[in-house]
Amino acid sequence: MRETRKFLCVSCPVGCALTVVLDGTNLLEVEGNVCARGVEYAKNEAVNPTRTFTSTVRVRGASLPVCPVRSRKPLPLREVFRVSREVAKLTLDAPLEIGQVIIEDVCGSGVDIVASRTLK
């Protein structure tokens, strides 16, 4: 089944308006890209969109009440709300080190959630 989708490319500062033609999960055509990165972005966004997850986690015993966290690599977009619910359940104890794994393999995604700041 042939389908046309429109995306705003965010792979470079230009922000091209892309038109993508798909047949199921097969990319048939990409129009509107100025650079080659636009084709790769369109393919990923149309077939398997991902996002880097960022949030904060409550912390006890630190100079700040929360610590920023992020996914070590992008997660499938369909998992972001489920991951958010898991992260919201957490309260951690200080100290925390930047890059410290907060949740390993969150929601079975194969992606770790890590601290984005050191808190003593």
PDB file of N, CA and C in Angstrom:
ATOM      1  N   MET A   1       0.838  -1.177   0.000  1.00  0.00           N
ATOM      2  CA  MET A   1       0.000   0.000   0.000  1.00  0.00           C
ATOM      3  C   MET A   1       0.889   1.249   0.000  1.00  0.00           C
ATOM      4  N   ARG A   2       0.756   2.056  -0.962  1.00  0.00           N
ATOM      5  CA  ARG A   2       1.554   3.266  -1.130  1.00  0.00           C
ATOM      6  C   ARG A   2       1.048   4.366  -0.193  1.00  0.00           C
ATOM      7  N   GLU A   3       2.000   5.032   0.470  1.00  0.00           N
ATOM      8  CA  GLU A   3       1.649   6.067   1.442  1.00  0.00           C
ATOM      9  C   GLU A   3       2.651   7.219   1.315  1.00  0.00           C
ATOM     10  N   THR A   4       2.164   8.445   1.448  1.00  0.00           N
ATOM     11  CA  THR A   4       3.021   9.630   1.430  1.00  0.00           C
ATOM     12  C   THR A   4       2.982  10.281   2.807  1.00  0.00           C
ATOM     13  N   ARG A   5       4.175  10.602   3.337  1.00  0.00           N
ATOM     14  CA  ARG A   5       4.287  11.268   4.640  1.00  0.00           C
ATOM     15  C   ARG A   5       5.173  12.498   4.494  1.00  0.00           C
ATOM     16  N   LYS A   6       4.973  13.452   5.385  1.00  0.00           N
ATOM     17  CA  LYS A   6       5.794  14.659   5.403  1.00  0.00           C
ATOM     18  C   LYS A   6       6.508  14.757   6.751  1.00  0.00           C
ATOM     19  N   PHE A   7       7.783  15.139   6.703  1.00  0.00           N
ATOM     20  CA  PHE A   7       8.605  15.289   7.896  1.00  0.00           C
ATOM     21  C   PHE A   7       9.406  16.571   7.800  1.00  0.00           C
ATOM     22  N   LEU A   8       9.756  17.125   8.934  1.00  0.00           N
ATOM     23  CA  LEU A   8      10.731  18.197   9.003  1.00  0.00           C
ATOM     24  C   LEU A   8      12.031  17.552   9.448  1.00  0.00           C
ATOM     25  N   CYS A   9      13.040  17.580   8.608  1.00  0.00           N
ATOM     26  CA  CYS A   9      14.312  16.943   8.907  1.00  0.00           C
ATOM     27  C   CYS A   9      15.058  17.742   9.972  1.00  0.00           C
ATOM     28  N   VAL A  10      15.583  17.058  10.978  1.00  0.00           N
ATOM     29  CA  VAL A  10      16.337  17.705  12.052  1.00  0.00           C
ATOM     30  C   VAL A  10      17.776  17.193  12.118  1.00  0.00           C
ATOM     31  N   SER A  11      18.252  16.572  11.043  1.00  0.00           N
ATOM     32  CA  SER A  11      19.607  16.021  11.064  1.00  0.00           C
ATOM     33  C   SER A  11      20.679  17.071  10.827  1.00  0.00           C
ATOM     34  N   CYS A  12      20.316  18.255  10.368  1.00  0.00           N
ATOM     35  CA  CYS A  12      21.263  19.367  10.219  1.00  0.00           C
ATOM     36  C   CYS A  12      20.501  20.668  10.437  1.00  0.00           C
ATOM     37  N   PRO A  13      21.181  21.792  10.527  1.00  0.00           N
ATOM     38  CA  PRO A  13      20.498  23.061  10.823  1.00  0.00           C
ATOM     39  C   PRO A  13      19.550  23.585   9.738  1.00  0.00           C
ATOM     40  N   VAL A  14      19.586  23.057   8.533  1.00  0.00           N
ATOM     41  CA  VAL A  14      18.740  23.578   7.454  1.00  0.00           C
ATOM     42  C   VAL A  14      17.258  23.340   7.727  1.00  0.00           C
ATOM     43  N   GLY A  15      16.889  22.164   8.229  1.00  0.00           N
ATOM     44  CA  GLY A  15      15.488  21.861   8.540  1.00  0.00           C
ATOM     45  C   GLY A  15      14.619  21.690   7.313  1.00  0.00           C
ATOM     46  N   CYS A  16      15.039  20.812   6.420  1.00  0.00           N
ATOM     47  CA  CYS A  16      14.315  20.592   5.160  1.00  0.00           C
ATOM     48  C   CYS A  16      12.928  19.994   5.385  1.00  0.00           C
ATOM     49  N   ALA A  17      11.967  20.412   4.568  1.00  0.00           N
ATOM     50  CA  ALA A  17      10.628  19.822   4.555  1.00  0.00           C
ATOM     51  C   ALA A  17      10.688  18.628   3.611  1.00  0.00           C
ATOM     52  N   LEU A  18      10.623  17.424   4.175  1.00  0.00           N
ATOM     53  CA  LEU A  18      10.757  16.197   3.391  1.00  0.00           C
ATOM     54  C   LEU A  18       9.395  15.613   3.055  1.00  0.00           C
ATOM     55  N   THR A  19       9.286  15.082   1.860  1.00  0.00           N
ATOM     56  CA  THR A  19       8.132  14.290   1.453  1.00  0.00           C
ATOM     57  C   THR A  19       8.652  12.888   1.189  1.00  0.00           C
ATOM     58  N   VAL A  20       8.056  11.911   1.848  1.00  0.00           N
ATOM     59  CA  VAL A  20       8.507  10.527   1.783  1.00  0.00           C
ATOM     60  C   VAL A  20       7.391   9.664   1.207  1.00  0.00           C
ATOM     61  N   VAL A  21       7.733   8.817   0.258  1.00  0.00           N
ATOM     62  CA  VAL A  21       6.773   7.868  -0.310  1.00  0.00           C
ATOM     63  C   VAL A  21       7.217   6.477   0.116  1.00  0.00           C
ATOM     64  N   LEU A  22       6.286   5.744   0.732  1.00  0.00           N
ATOM     65  CA  LEU A  22       6.544   4.396   1.235  1.00  0.00           C
ATOM     66  C   LEU A  22       5.594   3.400   0.602  1.00  0.00           C
ATOM     67  N   ASP A  23       6.080   2.179   0.491  1.00  0.00           N
ATOM     68  CA  ASP A  23       5.229   1.039   0.167  1.00  0.00           C
ATOM     69  C   ASP A  23       5.417   0.069   1.317  1.00  0.00           C
ATOM     70  N   GLY A  24       4.503   0.126   2.291  1.00  0.00           N
ATOM     71  CA  GLY A  24       4.694  -0.642   3.524  1.00  0.00           C
ATOM     72  C   GLY A  24       5.862  -0.048   4.291  1.00  0.00           C
ATOM     73  N   THR A  25       6.914  -0.850   4.514  1.00  0.00           N
ATOM     74  CA  THR A  25       8.119  -0.347   5.175  1.00  0.00           C
ATOM     75  C   THR A  25       9.247  -0.082   4.187  1.00  0.00           C
ATOM     76  N   ASN A  26       8.960  -0.174   2.894  1.00  0.00           N
ATOM     77  CA  ASN A  26       9.972   0.092   1.867  1.00  0.00           C
ATOM     78  C   ASN A  26       9.929   1.560   1.463  1.00  0.00           C
ATOM     79  N   LEU A  27      11.074   2.222   1.593  1.00  0.00           N
ATOM     80  CA  LEU A  27      11.191   3.613   1.192  1.00  0.00           C
ATOM     81  C   LEU A  27      11.333   3.674  -0.319  1.00  0.00           C
ATOM     82  N   LEU A  28      10.392   4.340  -0.983  1.00  0.00           N
ATOM     83  CA  LEU A  28      10.424   4.442  -2.439  1.00  0.00           C
ATOM     84  C   LEU A  28      11.049   5.748  -2.912  1.00  0.00           C
ATOM     85  N   GLU A  29      10.774   6.831  -2.174  1.00  0.00           N
ATOM     86  CA  GLU A  29      11.197   8.145  -2.658  1.00  0.00           C
ATOM     87  C   GLU A  29      11.296   9.136  -1.510  1.00  0.00           C
ATOM     88  N   VAL A  30      12.309  10.008  -1.561  1.00  0.00           N
ATOM     89  CA  VAL A  30      12.452  11.116  -0.618  1.00  0.00           C
ATOM     90  C   VAL A  30      12.689  12.373  -1.438  1.00  0.00           C
ATOM     91  N   GLU A  31      11.906  13.397  -1.169  1.00  0.00           N
ATOM     92  CA  GLU A  31      12.069  14.677  -1.856  1.00  0.00           C
ATOM     93  C   GLU A  31      12.199  15.782  -0.828  1.00  0.00           C
ATOM     94  N   GLY A  32      12.903  16.842  -1.199  1.00  0.00           N
ATOM     95  CA  GLY A  32      13.011  18.024  -0.364  1.00  0.00           C
ATOM     96  C   GLY A  32      14.286  18.128   0.433  1.00  0.00           C
ATOM     97  N   ASN A  33      15.121  17.086   0.425  1.00  0.00           N
ATOM     98  CA  ASN A  33      16.354  17.138   1.209  1.00  0.00           C
ATOM     99  C   ASN A  33      17.446  17.891   0.459  1.00  0.00           C
ATOM    100  N   VAL A  34      18.178  18.723   1.197  1.00  0.00           N
ATOM    101  CA  VAL A  34      19.305  19.459   0.634  1.00  0.00           C
ATOM    102  C   VAL A  34      20.581  18.627   0.760  1.00  0.00           C
ATOM    103  N   CYS A  35      20.710  17.887   1.856  1.00  0.00           N
ATOM    104  CA  CYS A  35      21.917  17.076   2.065  1.00  0.00           C
ATOM    105  C   CYS A  35      21.555  15.591   2.107  1.00  0.00           C
ATOM    106  N   ALA A  36      22.564  14.752   2.012  1.00  0.00           N
ATOM    107  CA  ALA A  36      22.349  13.302   1.994  1.00  0.00           C
ATOM    108  C   ALA A  36      21.804  12.775   3.318  1.00  0.00           C
ATOM    109  N   ARG A  37      22.058  13.481   4.401  1.00  0.00           N
ATOM    110  CA  ARG A  37      21.555  13.028   5.704  1.00  0.00           C
ATOM    111  C   ARG A  37      20.032  12.991   5.745  1.00  0.00           C
ATOM    112  N   GLY A  38      19.396  13.801   4.917  1.00  0.00           N
ATOM    113  CA  GLY A  38      17.941  13.843   4.883  1.00  0.00           C
ATOM    114  C   GLY A  38      17.315  12.532   4.466  1.00  0.00           C
ATOM    115  N   VAL A  39      17.947  11.821   3.545  1.00  0.00           N
ATOM    116  CA  VAL A  39      17.415  10.526   3.100  1.00  0.00           C
ATOM    117  C   VAL A  39      17.464   9.522   4.249  1.00  0.00           C
ATOM    118  N   GLU A  40      18.592   9.463   4.953  1.00  0.00           N
ATOM    119  CA  GLU A  40      18.731   8.534   6.084  1.00  0.00           C
ATOM    120  C   GLU A  40      17.757   8.896   7.203  1.00  0.00           C
ATOM    121  N   TYR A  41      17.630  10.186   7.492  1.00  0.00           N
ATOM    122  CA  TYR A  41      16.685  10.626   8.513  1.00  0.00           C
ATOM    123  C   TYR A  41      15.262  10.219   8.149  1.00  0.00           C
ATOM    124  N   ALA A  42      14.880  10.458   6.894  1.00  0.00           N
ATOM    125  CA  ALA A  42      13.522  10.127   6.442  1.00  0.00           C
ATOM    126  C   ALA A  42      13.252   8.640   6.568  1.00  0.00           C
ATOM    127  N   LYS A  43      14.220   7.827   6.178  1.00  0.00           N
ATOM    128  CA  LYS A  43      14.037   6.373   6.260  1.00  0.00           C
ATOM    129  C   LYS A  43      13.839   5.937   7.713  1.00  0.00           C
ATOM    130  N   ASN A  44      14.697   6.417   8.600  1.00  0.00           N
ATOM    131  CA  ASN A  44      14.582   6.041  10.018  1.00  0.00           C
ATOM    132  C   ASN A  44      13.287   6.551  10.628  1.00  0.00           C
ATOM    133  N   GLU A  45      12.937   7.778  10.330  1.00  0.00           N
ATOM    134  CA  GLU A  45      11.733   8.367  10.926  1.00  0.00           C
ATOM    135  C   GLU A  45      10.461   7.692  10.416  1.00  0.00           C
ATOM    136  N   ALA A  46      10.450   7.276   9.173  1.00  0.00           N
ATOM    137  CA  ALA A  46       9.268   6.649   8.592  1.00  0.00           C
ATOM    138  C   ALA A  46       9.110   5.192   9.023  1.00  0.00           C
ATOM    139  N   VAL A  47      10.221   4.480   9.174  1.00  0.00           N
ATOM    140  CA  VAL A  47      10.161   3.040   9.426  1.00  0.00           C
ATOM    141  C   VAL A  47      10.356   2.687  10.896  1.00  0.00           C
ATOM    142  N   ASN A  48      11.323   3.327  11.565  1.00  0.00           N
ATOM    143  CA  ASN A  48      11.622   2.997  12.958  1.00  0.00           C
ATOM    144  C   ASN A  48      12.086   4.253  13.697  1.00  0.00           C
ATOM    145  N   PRO A  49      11.158   5.150  14.045  1.00  0.00           N
ATOM    146  CA  PRO A  49      11.563   6.386  14.708  1.00  0.00           C
ATOM    147  C   PRO A  49      12.145   6.125  16.092  1.00  0.00           C
ATOM    148  N   THR A  50      13.196   6.865  16.437  1.00  0.00           N
ATOM    149  CA  THR A  50      13.834   6.743  17.746  1.00  0.00           C
ATOM    150  C   THR A  50      14.009   8.128  18.350  1.00  0.00           C
ATOM    151  N   ARG A  51      14.152   8.153  19.666  1.00  0.00           N
ATOM    152  CA  ARG A  51      14.392   9.409  20.379  1.00  0.00           C
ATOM    153  C   ARG A  51      15.364   9.148  21.524  1.00  0.00           C
ATOM    154  N   THR A  52      16.205  10.138  21.800  1.00  0.00           N
ATOM    155  CA  THR A  52      17.008  10.095  23.016  1.00  0.00           C
ATOM    156  C   THR A  52      16.095  10.538  24.145  1.00  0.00           C
ATOM    157  N   PHE A  53      16.011   9.722  25.172  1.00  0.00           N
ATOM    158  CA  PHE A  53      15.135   9.987  26.310  1.00  0.00           C
ATOM    159  C   PHE A  53      15.883  10.839  27.332  1.00  0.00           C
ATOM    160  N   THR A  54      15.253  11.890  27.833  1.00  0.00           N
ATOM    161  CA  THR A  54      15.813  12.698  28.921  1.00  0.00           C
ATOM    162  C   THR A  54      14.733  12.955  29.961  1.00  0.00           C
ATOM    163  N   SER A  55      15.164  13.004  31.207  1.00  0.00           N
ATOM    164  CA  SER A  55      14.238  13.260  32.299  1.00  0.00           C
ATOM    165  C   SER A  55      15.043  13.626  33.533  1.00  0.00           C
ATOM    166  N   THR A  56      14.384  13.645  34.675  1.00  0.00           N
ATOM    167  CA  THR A  56      15.070  13.814  35.955  1.00  0.00           C
ATOM    168  C   THR A  56      14.580  12.732  36.915  1.00  0.00           C
ATOM    169  N   VAL A  57      15.423  12.437  37.909  1.00  0.00           N
ATOM    170  CA  VAL A  57      15.101  11.448  38.938  1.00  0.00           C
ATOM    171  C   VAL A  57      15.287  12.115  40.296  1.00  0.00           C
ATOM    172  N   ARG A  58      14.368  11.843  41.209  1.00  0.00           N
ATOM    173  CA  ARG A  58      14.492  12.373  42.570  1.00  0.00           C
ATOM    174  C   ARG A  58      15.728  11.786  43.249  1.00  0.00           C
ATOM    175  N   VAL A  59      16.406  12.619  44.066  1.00  0.00           N
ATOM    176  CA  VAL A  59      17.619  12.193  44.767  1.00  0.00           C
ATOM    177  C   VAL A  59      17.529  12.614  46.228  1.00  0.00           C
ATOM    178  N   ARG A  60      17.881  11.693  47.116  1.00  0.00           N
ATOM    179  CA  ARG A  60      17.962  11.978  48.556  1.00  0.00           C
ATOM    180  C   ARG A  60      19.423  12.225  48.928  1.00  0.00           C
ATOM    181  N   GLY A  61      19.646  13.218  49.772  1.00  0.00           N
ATOM    182  CA  GLY A  61      20.973  13.443  50.335  1.00  0.00           C
ATOM    183  C   GLY A  61      21.953  14.160  49.428  1.00  0.00           C
ATOM    184  N   ALA A  62      21.482  14.852  48.432  1.00  0.00           N
ATOM    185  CA  ALA A  62      22.372  15.588  47.531  1.00  0.00           C
ATOM    186  C   ALA A  62      22.090  17.088  47.651  1.00  0.00           C
ATOM    187  N   SER A  63      22.961  17.886  47.049  1.00  0.00           N
ATOM    188  CA  SER A  63      22.784  19.334  47.086  1.00  0.00           C
ATOM    189  C   SER A  63      21.590  19.788  46.243  1.00  0.00           C
ATOM    190  N   LEU A  64      21.154  18.938  45.306  1.00  0.00           N
ATOM    191  CA  LEU A  64      19.974  19.214  44.492  1.00  0.00           C
ATOM    192  C   LEU A  64      18.956  18.098  44.687  1.00  0.00           C
ATOM    193  N   PRO A  65      17.662  18.400  44.562  1.00  0.00           N
ATOM    194  CA  PRO A  65      16.644  17.371  44.804  1.00  0.00           C
ATOM    195  C   PRO A  65      16.448  16.390  43.642  1.00  0.00           C
ATOM    196  N   VAL A  66      16.972  16.721  42.458  1.00  0.00           N
ATOM    197  CA  VAL A  66      16.818  15.842  41.296  1.00  0.00           C
ATOM    198  C   VAL A  66      18.135  15.767  40.527  1.00  0.00           C
ATOM    199  N   CYS A  67      18.277  14.688  39.764  1.00  0.00           N
ATOM    200  CA  CYS A  67      19.437  14.492  38.902  1.00  0.00           C
ATOM    201  C   CYS A  67      18.939  14.277  37.471  1.00  0.00           C
ATOM    202  N   PRO A  68      19.513  14.978  36.495  1.00  0.00           N
ATOM    203  CA  PRO A  68      19.120  14.722  35.106  1.00  0.00           C
ATOM    204  C   PRO A  68      19.629  13.353  34.661  1.00  0.00           C
ATOM    205  N   VAL A  69      18.818  12.668  33.879  1.00  0.00           N
ATOM    206  CA  VAL A  69      19.183  11.353  33.336  1.00  0.00           C
ATOM    207  C   VAL A  69      18.851  11.339  31.846  1.00  0.00           C
ATOM    208  N   ARG A  70      19.461  10.400  31.128  1.00  0.00           N
ATOM    209  CA  ARG A  70      19.202  10.260  29.695  1.00  0.00           C
ATOM    210  C   ARG A  70      19.438   8.813  29.296  1.00  0.00           C
ATOM    211  N   SER A  71      18.939   8.480  28.122  1.00  0.00           N
ATOM    212  CA  SER A  71      19.221   7.154  27.579  1.00  0.00           C
ATOM    213  C   SER A  71      20.614   7.195  26.955  1.00  0.00           C
ATOM    214  N   ARG A  72      21.342   6.103  27.096  1.00  0.00           N
ATOM    215  CA  ARG A  72      22.699   6.045  26.555  1.00  0.00           C
ATOM    216  C   ARG A  72      22.693   6.136  25.035  1.00  0.00           C
ATOM    217  N   LYS A  73      21.632   5.637  24.418  1.00  0.00           N
ATOM    218  CA  LYS A  73      21.446   5.756  22.971  1.00  0.00           C
ATOM    219  C   LYS A  73      19.955   5.918  22.711  1.00  0.00           C
ATOM    220  N   PRO A  74      19.564   6.299  21.510  1.00  0.00           N
ATOM    221  CA  PRO A  74      18.134   6.497  21.238  1.00  0.00           C
ATOM    222  C   PRO A  74      17.310   5.219  21.429  1.00  0.00           C
ATOM    223  N   LEU A  75      16.097   5.419  21.912  1.00  0.00           N
ATOM    224  CA  LEU A  75      15.120   4.350  22.133  1.00  0.00           C
ATOM    225  C   LEU A  75      14.088   4.369  21.008  1.00  0.00           C
ATOM    226  N   PRO A  76      13.459   3.228  20.740  1.00  0.00           N
ATOM    227  CA  PRO A  76      12.315   3.264  19.818  1.00  0.00           C
ATOM    228  C   PRO A  76      11.252   4.220  20.382  1.00  0.00           C
ATOM    229  N   LEU A  77      10.710   5.055  19.545  1.00  0.00           N
ATOM    230  CA  LEU A  77       9.723   6.049  19.969  1.00  0.00           C
ATOM    231  C   LEU A  77       8.546   5.407  20.697  1.00  0.00           C
ATOM    232  N   ARG A  78       8.148   4.232  20.278  1.00  0.00           N
ATOM    233  CA  ARG A  78       7.003   3.554  20.905  1.00  0.00           C
ATOM    234  C   ARG A  78       7.263   3.184  22.369  1.00  0.00           C
ATOM    235  N   GLU A  79       8.533   3.191  22.817  1.00  0.00           N
ATOM    236  CA  GLU A  79       8.884   2.822  24.192  1.00  0.00           C
ATOM    237  C   GLU A  79       9.028   4.009  25.130  1.00  0.00           C
ATOM    238  N   VAL A  80       9.028   5.228  24.618  1.00  0.00           N
ATOM    239  CA  VAL A  80       9.361   6.399  25.427  1.00  0.00           C
ATOM    240  C   VAL A  80       8.404   6.587  26.601  1.00  0.00           C
ATOM    241  N   PHE A  81       7.104   6.433  26.415  1.00  0.00           N
ATOM    242  CA  PHE A  81       6.173   6.629  27.527  1.00  0.00           C
ATOM    243  C   PHE A  81       6.314   5.541  28.579  1.00  0.00           C
ATOM    244  N   ARG A  82       6.561   4.325  28.163  1.00  0.00           N
ATOM    245  CA  ARG A  82       6.763   3.220  29.115  1.00  0.00           C
ATOM    246  C   ARG A  82       8.034   3.459  29.936  1.00  0.00           C
ATOM    247  N   VAL A  83       9.101   3.895  29.282  1.00  0.00           N
ATOM    248  CA  VAL A  83      10.354   4.213  29.975  1.00  0.00           C
ATOM    249  C   VAL A  83      10.132   5.367  30.941  1.00  0.00           C
ATOM    250  N   SER A  84       9.390   6.373  30.523  1.00  0.00           N
ATOM    251  CA  SER A  84       9.100   7.518  31.376  1.00  0.00           C
ATOM    252  C   SER A  84       8.403   7.096  32.664  1.00  0.00           C
ATOM    253  N   ARG A  85       7.467   6.182  32.564  1.00  0.00           N
ATOM    254  CA  ARG A  85       6.765   5.688  33.756  1.00  0.00           C
ATOM    255  C   ARG A  85       7.721   4.967  34.700  1.00  0.00           C
ATOM    256  N   GLU A  86       8.665   4.199  34.161  1.00  0.00           N
ATOM    257  CA  GLU A  86       9.643   3.489  34.996  1.00  0.00           C
ATOM    258  C   GLU A  86      10.587   4.469  35.697  1.00  0.00           C
ATOM    259  N   VAL A  87      11.059   5.453  34.972  1.00  0.00           N
ATOM    260  CA  VAL A  87      11.969   6.441  35.548  1.00  0.00           C
ATOM    261  C   VAL A  87      11.265   7.256  36.628  1.00  0.00           C
ATOM    262  N   ALA A  88       9.997   7.568  36.436  1.00  0.00           N
ATOM    263  CA  ALA A  88       9.236   8.369  37.407  1.00  0.00           C
ATOM    264  C   ALA A  88       9.080   7.658  38.750  1.00  0.00           C
ATOM    265  N   LYS A  89       9.204   6.347  38.784  1.00  0.00           N
ATOM    266  CA  LYS A  89       9.071   5.573  40.028  1.00  0.00           C
ATOM    267  C   LYS A  89      10.305   5.680  40.926  1.00  0.00           C
ATOM    268  N   LEU A  90      11.432   6.138  40.368  1.00  0.00           N
ATOM    269  CA  LEU A  90      12.704   6.091  41.078  1.00  0.00           C
ATOM    270  C   LEU A  90      12.925   7.241  42.045  1.00  0.00           C
ATOM    271  N   THR A  91      13.574   6.911  43.155  1.00  0.00           N
ATOM    272  CA  THR A  91      14.205   7.884  44.043  1.00  0.00           C
ATOM    273  C   THR A  91      15.558   7.280  44.373  1.00  0.00           C
ATOM    274  N   LEU A  92      16.624   8.023  44.084  1.00  0.00           N
ATOM    275  CA  LEU A  92      17.986   7.528  44.267  1.00  0.00           C
ATOM    276  C   LEU A  92      18.631   8.180  45.478  1.00  0.00           C
ATOM    277  N   ASP A  93      19.678   7.537  45.993  1.00  0.00           N
ATOM    278  CA  ASP A  93      20.473   8.095  47.078  1.00  0.00           C
ATOM    279  C   ASP A  93      21.784   8.622  46.521  1.00  0.00           C
ATOM    280  N   ALA A  94      22.192   9.814  47.009  1.00  0.00           N
ATOM    281  CA  ALA A  94      23.480  10.391  46.627  1.00  0.00           C
ATOM    282  C   ALA A  94      24.581   9.553  47.285  1.00  0.00           C
ATOM    283  N   PRO A  95      25.762   9.511  46.720  1.00  0.00           N
ATOM    284  CA  PRO A  95      26.253  10.270  45.574  1.00  0.00           C
ATOM    285  C   PRO A  95      25.944   9.570  44.254  1.00  0.00           C
ATOM    286  N   LEU A  96      25.919  10.369  43.191  1.00  0.00           N
ATOM    287  CA  LEU A  96      25.749   9.856  41.836  1.00  0.00           C
ATOM    288  C   LEU A  96      26.867  10.427  40.975  1.00  0.00           C
ATOM    289  N   GLU A  97      27.352   9.631  40.052  1.00  0.00           N
ATOM    290  CA  GLU A  97      28.407  10.057  39.139  1.00  0.00           C
ATOM    291  C   GLU A  97      27.862  10.154  37.724  1.00  0.00           C
ATOM    292  N   ILE A  98      28.313  11.138  36.991  1.00  0.00           N
ATOM    293  CA  ILE A  98      27.911  11.280  35.597  1.00  0.00           C
ATOM    294  C   ILE A  98      28.249   9.985  34.847  1.00  0.00           C
ATOM    295  N   GLY A  99      27.315   9.500  34.059  1.00  0.00           N
ATOM    296  CA  GLY A  99      27.505   8.256  33.309  1.00  0.00           C
ATOM    297  C   GLY A  99      27.138   7.000  34.082  1.00  0.00           C
ATOM    298  N   GLN A 100      26.846   7.129  35.375  1.00  0.00           N
ATOM    299  CA  GLN A 100      26.461   5.975  36.191  1.00  0.00           C
ATOM    300  C   GLN A 100      25.150   5.401  35.675  1.00  0.00           C
ATOM    301  N   VAL A 101      25.099   4.079  35.536  1.00  0.00           N
ATOM    302  CA  VAL A 101      23.871   3.439  35.065  1.00  0.00           C
ATOM    303  C   VAL A 101      22.826   3.508  36.168  1.00  0.00           C
ATOM    304  N   ILE A 102      21.688   4.084  35.832  1.00  0.00           N
ATOM    305  CA  ILE A 102      20.571   4.231  36.768  1.00  0.00           C
ATOM    306  C   ILE A 102      19.605   3.064  36.597  1.00  0.00           C
ATOM    307  N   ILE A 103      19.292   2.717  35.345  1.00  0.00           N
ATOM    308  CA  ILE A 103      18.469   1.546  35.027  1.00  0.00           C
ATOM    309  C   ILE A 103      19.144   0.835  33.858  1.00  0.00           C
ATOM    310  N   GLU A 104      19.518  -0.408  34.076  1.00  0.00           N
ATOM    311  CA  GLU A 104      20.113  -1.205  33.009  1.00  0.00           C
ATOM    312  C   GLU A 104      19.000  -1.828  32.168  1.00  0.00           C
ATOM    313  N   ASP A 105      19.150  -1.785  30.850  1.00  0.00           N
ATOM    314  CA  ASP A 105      18.208  -2.421  29.921  1.00  0.00           C
ATOM    315  C   ASP A 105      16.760  -2.038  30.254  1.00  0.00           C
ATOM    316  N   VAL A 106      16.503  -0.747  30.300  1.00  0.00           N
ATOM    317  CA  VAL A 106      15.191  -0.250  30.710  1.00  0.00           C
ATOM    318  C   VAL A 106      14.078  -0.851  29.848  1.00  0.00           C
ATOM    319  N   CYS A 107      13.085  -1.426  30.496  1.00  0.00           N
ATOM    320  CA  CYS A 107      11.905  -2.011  29.842  1.00  0.00           C
ATOM    321  C   CYS A 107      12.288  -3.043  28.775  1.00  0.00           C
ATOM    322  N   GLY A 108      13.439  -3.701  28.931  1.00  0.00           N
ATOM    323  CA  GLY A 108      13.859  -4.715  27.968  1.00  0.00           C
ATOM    324  C   GLY A 108      14.236  -4.143  26.617  1.00  0.00           C
ATOM    325  N   SER A 109      14.574  -2.857  26.581  1.00  0.00           N
ATOM    326  CA  SER A 109      14.873  -2.175  25.319  1.00  0.00           C
ATOM    327  C   SER A 109      16.312  -2.370  24.846  1.00  0.00           C
ATOM    328  N   GLY A 110      17.173  -2.858  25.749  1.00  0.00           N
ATOM    329  CA  GLY A 110      18.589  -2.963  25.424  1.00  0.00           C
ATOM    330  C   GLY A 110      19.331  -1.659  25.630  1.00  0.00           C
ATOM    331  N   VAL A 111      18.653  -0.645  26.165  1.00  0.00           N
ATOM    332  CA  VAL A 111      19.235   0.683  26.376  1.00  0.00           C
ATOM    333  C   VAL A 111      19.277   0.991  27.868  1.00  0.00           C
ATOM    334  N   ASP A 112      20.411   1.523  28.323  1.00  0.00           N
ATOM    335  CA  ASP A 112      20.555   1.911  29.724  1.00  0.00           C
ATOM    336  C   ASP A 112      20.171   3.372  29.920  1.00  0.00           C
ATOM    337  N   ILE A 113      19.635   3.672  31.095  1.00  0.00           N
ATOM    338  CA  ILE A 113      19.406   5.059  31.521  1.00  0.00           C
ATOM    339  C   ILE A 113      20.572   5.421  32.422  1.00  0.00           C
ATOM    340  N   VAL A 114      21.223   6.566  32.141  1.00  0.00           N
ATOM    341  CA  VAL A 114      22.416   6.970  32.882  1.00  0.00           C
ATOM    342  C   VAL A 114      22.251   8.377  33.460  1.00  0.00           C
ATOM    343  N   ALA A 115      23.013   8.642  34.532  1.00  0.00           N
ATOM    344  CA  ALA A 115      23.027   9.975  35.135  1.00  0.00           C
ATOM    345  C   ALA A 115      23.749  10.943  34.202  1.00  0.00           C
ATOM    346  N   SER A 116      23.217  12.157  34.101  1.00  0.00           N
ATOM    347  CA  SER A 116      23.812  13.191  33.260  1.00  0.00           C
ATOM    348  C   SER A 116      24.565  14.231  34.072  1.00  0.00           C
ATOM    349  N   ARG A 117      24.678  14.000  35.378  1.00  0.00           N
ATOM    350  CA  ARG A 117      25.363  14.959  36.251  1.00  0.00           C
ATOM    351  C   ARG A 117      25.903  14.228  37.471  1.00  0.00           C
ATOM    352  N   THR A 118      27.003  14.711  37.998  1.00  0.00           N
ATOM    353  CA  THR A 118      27.544  14.193  39.245  1.00  0.00           C
ATOM    354  C   THR A 118      26.902  14.971  40.392  1.00  0.00           C
ATOM    355  N   LEU A 119      26.395  14.246  41.374  1.00  0.00           N
ATOM    356  CA  LEU A 119      25.841  14.848  42.588  1.00  0.00           C
ATOM    357  C   LEU A 119      26.504  14.188  43.784  1.00  0.00           C
ATOM    358  N   LYS A 120      27.114  15.002  44.624  1.00  0.00           N
ATOM    359  CA  LYS A 120      27.782  14.506  45.845  1.00  0.00           C
ATOM    360  C   LYS A 120      26.812  14.482  46.995  1.00  0.00           C
TER     361      LYS A 120
END
